[in-house]
Every structure is written in C-alpha cells, then in structure tokens.
C-alpha cells in the first residue's frame, strides 16, 4: 500500500497509519457523503462549486458541515503536489456510534477523511469507449454524492463484464446518467444533457461543459433524452471530474454514428483543455 500523507480527523498521517472504528457509521451503514475535486498543478478546480455540492449532499442526509469553506481549503492544500495533476477524495461520515442502530446517534462527531491521488489520463480517450444501456436500479436520492455506491458498482461491473467501459442508465425510458458519469448526446446538431433533478448527480464537469458550449456559440439544452434518441444520436459523451469528456463510439454493440469520436466532442474537448490552462495561468501570471 502506498504510504502517502492523508488527513483524518484533524491529523495528517501516513495512509498506512489511518484507521477508523468498526463502529463508524460509514463502515456499518454507508452513512456518509464524499466529494472528488480535481487539482491541476496545485490549484483545486472549481473548488467553490465542489464545496457547494458537498454542502448540498450533507444537507440531504441531515449532517452538519464540520468546517467552513476557508477551513476546508486549509485542510486540503497540504495534500497537493504543485507539480502534478491530481484529485482530492474527501469523505465525511456520521461518525462512531455506541451501538449499531439505524437512528442517528446523539452527539456523534463526524469522521472526516481526505487523500490525494494522481489523475491518470484515460487510456483510449481519443479512440472512444464502448457503453451499454441498463435499467437504473438505484435509490431516489442520486443528487446526493453518498458513499452508498453498491448499485453503481454492480452496474459498472456488469458493463465491464460485457467488455464496455460504462453503463448508461435508463429510467422510465429516459437517460439519467452513467454509473460513474454524466451523459451528453448530440441530437440533430444540438448538445443535450438531462436536467438536474434527484435522478442525477449534478456534475461540476457537466456544468463547465454547458458554460463552454454557450461561450463558444454551440447550441445546447438541458432536457430529457429518450432511449430512442440516445440510440440514434450523432455523438454520445460521458463526463466526470477525473475522466473529463470521453466519447462513446459504440452503444449496445452498435456503432454511434460512424463509430468514431465526433467533431463536436473534439471541439469541446479542446475548449475544456484550453479552459483548464487559462484557469491555471490566471492564478499564476508570468
């Protein structure tokens, strides 16, 4: 196991030394939330938006935020390497309870854990990936970034077992999101992504892509995508903080359009990479 520095309940310790109680509700119940924050050369990407999503997730599960935004920044920055592209994994559980009981424990202190890992460029990004559609079997609070990810894990593994990189989830004949991503489709020349509601996690990368599309005069809408529309789309993308924008070139064993990454994906990906570079340069003027 890599012996790197992590943060646990007020202390910076090595990963090998980090331990929690078996009575922690995150361990017993999956009672907690998490956040994944990219960092490019020591600067947390859209940090305030990630913290806003964290705050929303905590509110949904009725857990108080243990720190202010300024305190979170001071906690996380020492974990970063300014010479690397990385991501912070941050997890907060309801803490240790005296007994295993579904009811919220009184006066329990939350368990706060954070670690940093290098972002590994997604292999085959320029070639695109295979995806499969699957029924969305998850719970009704998908807008909370909860650590209870068993349904997502099983769906993603089902996709991997079918030689596909992602499962695109369908509910009532409409696209919700991927097992570990948001979904975009190019339909009749318009970039479309499902609207924010309790069926999807409000992705930060998703929001950046919509902003960049508008800035670059690319027609885009937030509206439902039917399974029929998805299957006939000109392009399909999946997006996340660590994988960024990945084109889907095969869906349910059939090619998406000509079976190659599309022109709009290449354009938006270039815009996204330029945006990242611009954010870094504005923080570090020559």
Protein backbone atom coordinates (compact mmCIF):
# COMPACT_ATOMS: atom_id res chain seq x y z
CA UNK A 1 0.00 0.00 0.00
CA UNK A 2 1.25 3.44 -0.94
CA UNK A 3 2.47 5.24 2.19
CA UNK A 4 1.29 8.76 1.33
CA UNK A 5 0.06 11.58 3.54
CA UNK A 6 -3.67 11.71 4.26
CA UNK A 7 -5.94 13.77 6.52
CA UNK A 8 -8.04 12.01 9.16
CA UNK A 9 -9.97 13.77 11.92
CA UNK A 10 -7.66 16.73 12.37
CA UNK A 11 -4.34 14.97 11.75
CA UNK A 12 -2.03 14.47 8.77
CA UNK A 13 -0.75 10.92 8.94
CA UNK A 14 0.51 8.25 6.55
CA UNK A 15 -2.09 6.19 4.72
CA UNK A 16 -0.76 3.06 6.40
CA UNK A 17 -1.47 4.56 9.82
CA UNK A 18 -5.00 5.79 9.04
CA UNK A 19 -7.61 3.78 10.97
CA UNK A 20 -11.28 4.16 11.85
CA UNK A 21 -13.50 2.32 14.32
CA UNK A 22 -15.53 -0.66 13.14
CA UNK A 23 -18.46 1.17 14.77
CA UNK A 24 -18.14 4.05 12.33
CA UNK A 25 -21.50 4.50 10.59
CA UNK A 26 -19.78 4.86 7.25
CA UNK A 27 -18.45 1.32 7.69
CA UNK A 28 -21.66 -0.13 9.13
CA UNK A 29 -24.29 1.67 7.05
CA UNK A 30 -22.59 3.65 4.29
CA UNK A 31 -23.90 6.66 6.24
CA UNK A 32 -21.92 9.49 4.70
CA UNK A 33 -21.08 11.54 1.64
CA UNK A 34 -17.99 12.19 -0.46
CA UNK A 35 -16.59 14.65 -2.95
CA UNK A 36 -13.96 14.35 -5.71
CA UNK A 37 -12.12 17.58 -6.54
CA UNK A 38 -9.59 17.76 -9.41
CA UNK A 39 -6.40 19.75 -8.88
CA UNK A 40 -4.22 20.99 -11.73
CA UNK A 41 -0.68 21.87 -10.63
CA UNK A 42 -1.69 22.58 -7.06
CA UNK A 43 -4.90 24.51 -7.76
CA UNK A 44 -8.27 22.99 -6.89
CA UNK A 45 -10.53 23.15 -9.96
CA UNK A 46 -13.87 24.93 -9.38
CA UNK A 47 -13.32 24.48 -5.66
CA UNK A 48 -16.29 26.61 -4.55
CA UNK A 49 -18.68 24.64 -6.78
CA UNK A 50 -17.39 21.36 -5.39
CA UNK A 51 -17.86 22.62 -1.84
CA UNK A 52 -21.37 23.79 -2.69
CA UNK A 53 -22.18 20.28 -3.92
CA UNK A 54 -20.66 18.84 -0.75
CA UNK A 55 -22.82 21.15 1.35
CA UNK A 56 -25.92 20.10 -0.59
CA UNK A 57 -25.10 16.40 -0.09
CA UNK A 58 -24.62 16.94 3.65
CA UNK A 59 -27.94 18.79 3.86
CA UNK A 60 -29.76 15.95 2.09
CA UNK A 61 -28.51 13.36 4.61
CA UNK A 62 -29.02 15.77 7.54
CA UNK A 63 -25.38 16.02 8.58
CA UNK A 64 -23.82 19.33 9.60
CA UNK A 65 -20.79 20.56 7.67
CA UNK A 66 -17.89 20.29 10.15
CA UNK A 67 -15.82 23.08 8.53
CA UNK A 68 -16.18 26.40 6.74
CA UNK A 69 -15.03 26.75 3.13
CA UNK A 70 -11.89 28.56 4.26
CA UNK A 71 -11.11 25.74 6.70
CA UNK A 72 -11.63 23.11 4.01
CA UNK A 73 -9.12 24.88 1.78
CA UNK A 74 -6.52 24.97 4.55
CA UNK A 75 -7.09 21.28 5.25
CA UNK A 76 -6.82 20.11 1.64
CA UNK A 77 -3.99 22.23 0.22
CA UNK A 78 -1.17 20.46 2.15
CA UNK A 79 -2.13 17.19 0.44
CA UNK A 80 -1.43 18.55 -3.06
CA UNK A 81 1.68 18.28 -5.22
CA UNK A 82 2.05 21.50 -7.23
CA UNK A 83 3.87 19.59 -9.98
CA UNK A 84 1.08 17.08 -10.65
CA UNK A 85 -2.48 16.83 -11.92
CA UNK A 86 -4.34 15.18 -9.07
CA UNK A 87 -7.69 14.79 -7.38
CA UNK A 88 -8.79 15.04 -3.77
CA UNK A 89 -11.06 12.32 -2.41
CA UNK A 90 -12.95 13.74 0.59
CA UNK A 91 -15.31 11.65 2.73
CA UNK A 92 -17.47 12.58 5.71
CA UNK A 93 -19.45 10.03 7.70
CA UNK A 94 -21.82 10.47 10.63
CA UNK A 95 -19.06 9.14 12.87
CA UNK A 96 -18.73 6.49 15.54
CA UNK A 97 -21.85 5.38 17.42
CA UNK A 98 -22.00 3.38 20.70
CA UNK A 99 -24.16 0.69 19.07
CA UNK A 100 -25.40 -0.40 15.68
CA UNK A 101 -28.72 1.40 15.44
CA UNK A 102 -30.43 2.90 12.40
CA UNK A 103 -31.41 6.00 14.39
CA UNK A 104 -28.98 8.92 14.26
CA UNK A 105 -26.62 8.82 17.26
CA UNK A 106 -26.67 11.80 19.58
CA UNK A 107 -23.55 13.98 19.86
CA UNK A 108 -21.51 11.83 17.45
CA UNK A 109 -18.52 13.56 15.87
CA UNK A 110 -18.28 13.14 12.09
CA UNK A 111 -15.38 11.20 10.66
CA UNK A 112 -13.51 13.33 8.11
CA UNK A 113 -11.03 11.72 5.73
CA UNK A 114 -9.19 13.16 2.73
CA UNK A 115 -6.48 11.86 0.43
CA UNK A 116 -4.92 12.91 -2.84
CA UNK A 117 -4.12 10.75 -5.88
CA UNK A 118 -2.64 11.46 -9.29
CA UNK A 119 -5.01 11.79 -12.23
CA UNK A 120 -4.11 9.07 -14.72
CA UNK A 121 -5.01 10.05 -18.29
CA UNK A 122 -7.86 7.87 -19.52
CA UNK A 123 -6.48 5.24 -21.88
CA UNK A 124 -8.11 5.27 -25.29
CA UNK A 125 -9.78 8.66 -24.85
CA UNK A 126 -9.05 9.65 -28.46
CA UNK A 127 -10.47 6.36 -29.71
CA UNK A 128 -13.64 6.43 -27.63
CA UNK A 129 -15.25 3.76 -25.46
CA UNK A 130 -17.99 1.17 -25.57
CA UNK A 131 -21.06 1.59 -23.37
CA UNK A 132 -24.20 -0.40 -22.65
CA UNK A 133 -27.64 0.75 -21.51
CA UNK A 134 -29.06 -0.72 -18.31
CA UNK A 135 -32.14 -0.13 -16.14
CA UNK A 136 -31.43 2.44 -13.40
CA UNK A 137 -31.83 0.36 -10.24
CA UNK A 138 -30.56 2.97 -7.77
CA UNK A 139 -32.32 4.86 -4.97
CA UNK A 140 -34.23 8.16 -5.25
CA UNK A 141 -31.57 10.48 -3.82
CA UNK A 142 -28.99 10.28 -6.60
CA UNK A 143 -28.37 14.04 -6.34
CA UNK A 144 -26.58 13.36 -3.03
CA UNK A 145 -22.99 12.21 -3.51
CA UNK A 146 -23.43 9.41 -0.98
CA UNK A 147 -20.83 6.77 -0.21
CA UNK A 148 -23.50 4.07 -0.58
CA UNK A 149 -22.42 3.15 -4.12
CA UNK A 150 -23.17 -0.58 -4.27
CA UNK A 151 -25.82 -0.20 -7.01
CA UNK A 152 -23.41 1.90 -9.11
CA UNK A 153 -20.62 -0.62 -8.55
CA UNK A 154 -22.78 -3.54 -9.69
CA UNK A 155 -23.98 -1.65 -12.76
CA UNK A 156 -20.44 -0.63 -13.72
CA UNK A 157 -19.17 -4.18 -13.23
CA UNK A 158 -21.98 -5.51 -15.42
CA UNK A 159 -20.75 -3.12 -18.12
CA UNK A 160 -17.15 -4.24 -17.68
CA UNK A 161 -18.26 -7.87 -17.89
CA UNK A 162 -19.74 -7.01 -21.30
CA UNK A 163 -16.43 -5.52 -22.49
CA UNK A 164 -17.77 -1.98 -22.06
CA UNK A 165 -16.30 0.91 -20.09
CA UNK A 166 -19.55 2.42 -18.78
CA UNK A 167 -23.21 1.70 -18.12
CA UNK A 168 -25.66 4.37 -19.28
CA UNK A 169 -28.70 4.17 -17.04
CA UNK A 170 -32.31 4.27 -18.22
CA UNK A 171 -35.35 5.07 -16.08
CA UNK A 172 -38.89 5.15 -17.48
CA UNK A 173 -37.36 5.01 -20.97
CA UNK A 174 -35.22 8.13 -20.38
CA UNK A 175 -31.49 8.55 -19.78
CA UNK A 176 -30.49 9.52 -16.24
CA UNK A 177 -26.67 9.28 -16.13
CA UNK A 178 -23.79 6.83 -16.28
CA UNK A 179 -22.89 4.51 -13.42
CA UNK A 180 -19.98 6.89 -12.70
CA UNK A 181 -20.58 9.81 -15.05
CA UNK A 182 -22.97 12.33 -16.54
CA UNK A 183 -24.20 11.83 -20.11
CA UNK A 184 -24.32 14.16 -23.12
CA UNK A 185 -25.69 13.46 -26.58
CA UNK A 186 -25.59 15.39 -29.86
CA UNK A 187 -29.10 15.18 -31.34
CA UNK A 188 -29.86 16.94 -34.63
CA UNK A 189 -26.78 19.11 -34.14
CA UNK A 190 -27.74 20.20 -30.62
CA UNK A 191 -25.79 19.22 -27.49
CA UNK A 192 -28.24 17.80 -24.93
CA UNK A 193 -27.86 16.57 -21.35
CA UNK A 194 -30.55 15.50 -18.84
CA UNK A 195 -31.68 18.29 -16.48
CA UNK A 196 -30.68 18.37 -12.84
CA UNK A 197 -33.10 16.56 -10.55
CA UNK A 198 -32.95 13.84 -7.91
CA UNK A 199 -32.14 11.23 -10.59
CA UNK A 200 -28.64 12.53 -11.37
CA UNK A 201 -25.60 13.81 -9.57
CA UNK A 202 -25.07 17.48 -10.54
CA UNK A 203 -21.61 17.14 -12.07
CA UNK A 204 -19.19 20.05 -11.94
CA UNK A 205 -17.58 18.98 -15.24
CA UNK A 206 -21.11 18.79 -16.69
CA UNK A 207 -21.75 22.41 -15.73
CA UNK A 208 -18.40 23.59 -17.12
CA UNK A 209 -19.16 21.92 -20.46
CA UNK A 210 -22.52 23.71 -20.68
CA UNK A 211 -20.84 27.04 -19.90
CA UNK A 212 -18.14 26.45 -22.51
CA UNK A 213 -20.73 25.44 -25.11
CA UNK A 214 -22.64 28.68 -24.56
CA UNK A 215 -19.46 30.76 -24.67
CA UNK A 216 -18.48 29.14 -27.96
CA UNK A 217 -21.94 29.57 -29.51
CA UNK A 218 -22.68 25.85 -29.54
CA UNK A 219 -26.39 25.09 -29.30
CA UNK A 220 -27.07 23.19 -26.08
CA UNK A 221 -30.09 22.26 -23.98
CA UNK A 222 -30.82 20.64 -20.64
CA UNK A 223 -33.73 18.36 -21.42
CA UNK A 224 -34.74 14.70 -21.16
CA UNK A 225 -33.12 12.25 -23.59
CA UNK A 226 -35.23 9.26 -24.54
CA UNK A 227 -33.64 5.86 -25.11
CA UNK A 228 -34.72 6.11 -28.76
CA UNK A 229 -32.98 9.48 -29.13
CA UNK A 230 -29.83 8.13 -27.47
CA UNK A 231 -29.66 5.16 -29.83
CA UNK A 232 -29.89 7.44 -32.89
CA UNK A 233 -27.64 10.24 -31.56
CA UNK A 234 -24.82 11.65 -33.69
CA UNK A 235 -22.49 11.68 -30.69
CA UNK A 236 -22.59 10.43 -27.09
CA UNK A 237 -20.22 11.53 -24.31
CA UNK A 238 -19.75 10.61 -20.66
CA UNK A 239 -18.17 13.13 -18.30
CA UNK A 240 -16.66 13.16 -14.81
CA UNK A 241 -14.11 15.08 -12.76
CA UNK A 242 -11.27 12.60 -13.28
CA UNK A 243 -12.04 11.35 -16.81
CA UNK A 244 -13.24 14.74 -18.12
CA UNK A 245 -15.01 14.23 -21.51
CA UNK A 246 -14.97 10.76 -23.06
CA UNK A 247 -16.67 9.95 -26.37
CA UNK A 248 -18.81 6.82 -26.65
CA UNK A 249 -18.31 5.20 -30.07
CA UNK A 250 -20.31 2.02 -29.51
CA UNK A 251 -23.61 1.61 -27.64
CA UNK A 252 -25.19 -1.78 -27.01
CA UNK A 253 -22.82 -3.39 -29.53
CA UNK A 254 -23.77 -0.94 -32.29
CA UNK A 255 -21.65 1.97 -33.56
CA UNK A 256 -22.60 5.51 -32.60
CA UNK A 257 -22.91 7.27 -35.98
CA UNK A 258 -19.71 6.29 -37.87
CA UNK A 259 -18.17 4.61 -34.83
CA UNK A 260 -15.54 7.30 -34.27
CA UNK A 261 -15.30 10.29 -31.89
CA UNK A 262 -17.27 13.18 -33.34
CA UNK A 263 -16.25 16.67 -34.40
CA UNK A 264 -18.22 18.40 -31.65
CA UNK A 265 -16.52 16.29 -29.00
CA UNK A 266 -13.10 17.25 -30.37
CA UNK A 267 -14.07 20.91 -30.34
CA UNK A 268 -15.46 20.89 -26.79
CA UNK A 269 -12.55 18.84 -25.50
CA UNK A 270 -10.13 21.41 -26.95
CA UNK A 271 -12.18 24.18 -25.32
CA UNK A 272 -12.08 22.32 -21.99
CA UNK A 273 -8.30 21.81 -22.11
CA UNK A 274 -7.79 25.48 -23.02
CA UNK A 275 -10.11 26.49 -20.17
CA UNK A 276 -8.07 24.45 -17.67
CA UNK A 277 -4.86 26.05 -18.93
CA UNK A 278 -6.39 29.52 -18.71
CA UNK A 279 -7.54 28.92 -15.13
CA UNK A 280 -4.01 27.89 -14.20
CA UNK A 281 -2.36 30.84 -15.94
CA UNK A 282 -4.75 33.35 -14.35
CA UNK A 283 -3.71 32.01 -10.96
CA UNK A 284 -0.03 32.07 -11.93
CA UNK A 285 0.61 35.12 -14.12
CA UNK A 286 4.10 35.38 -15.61
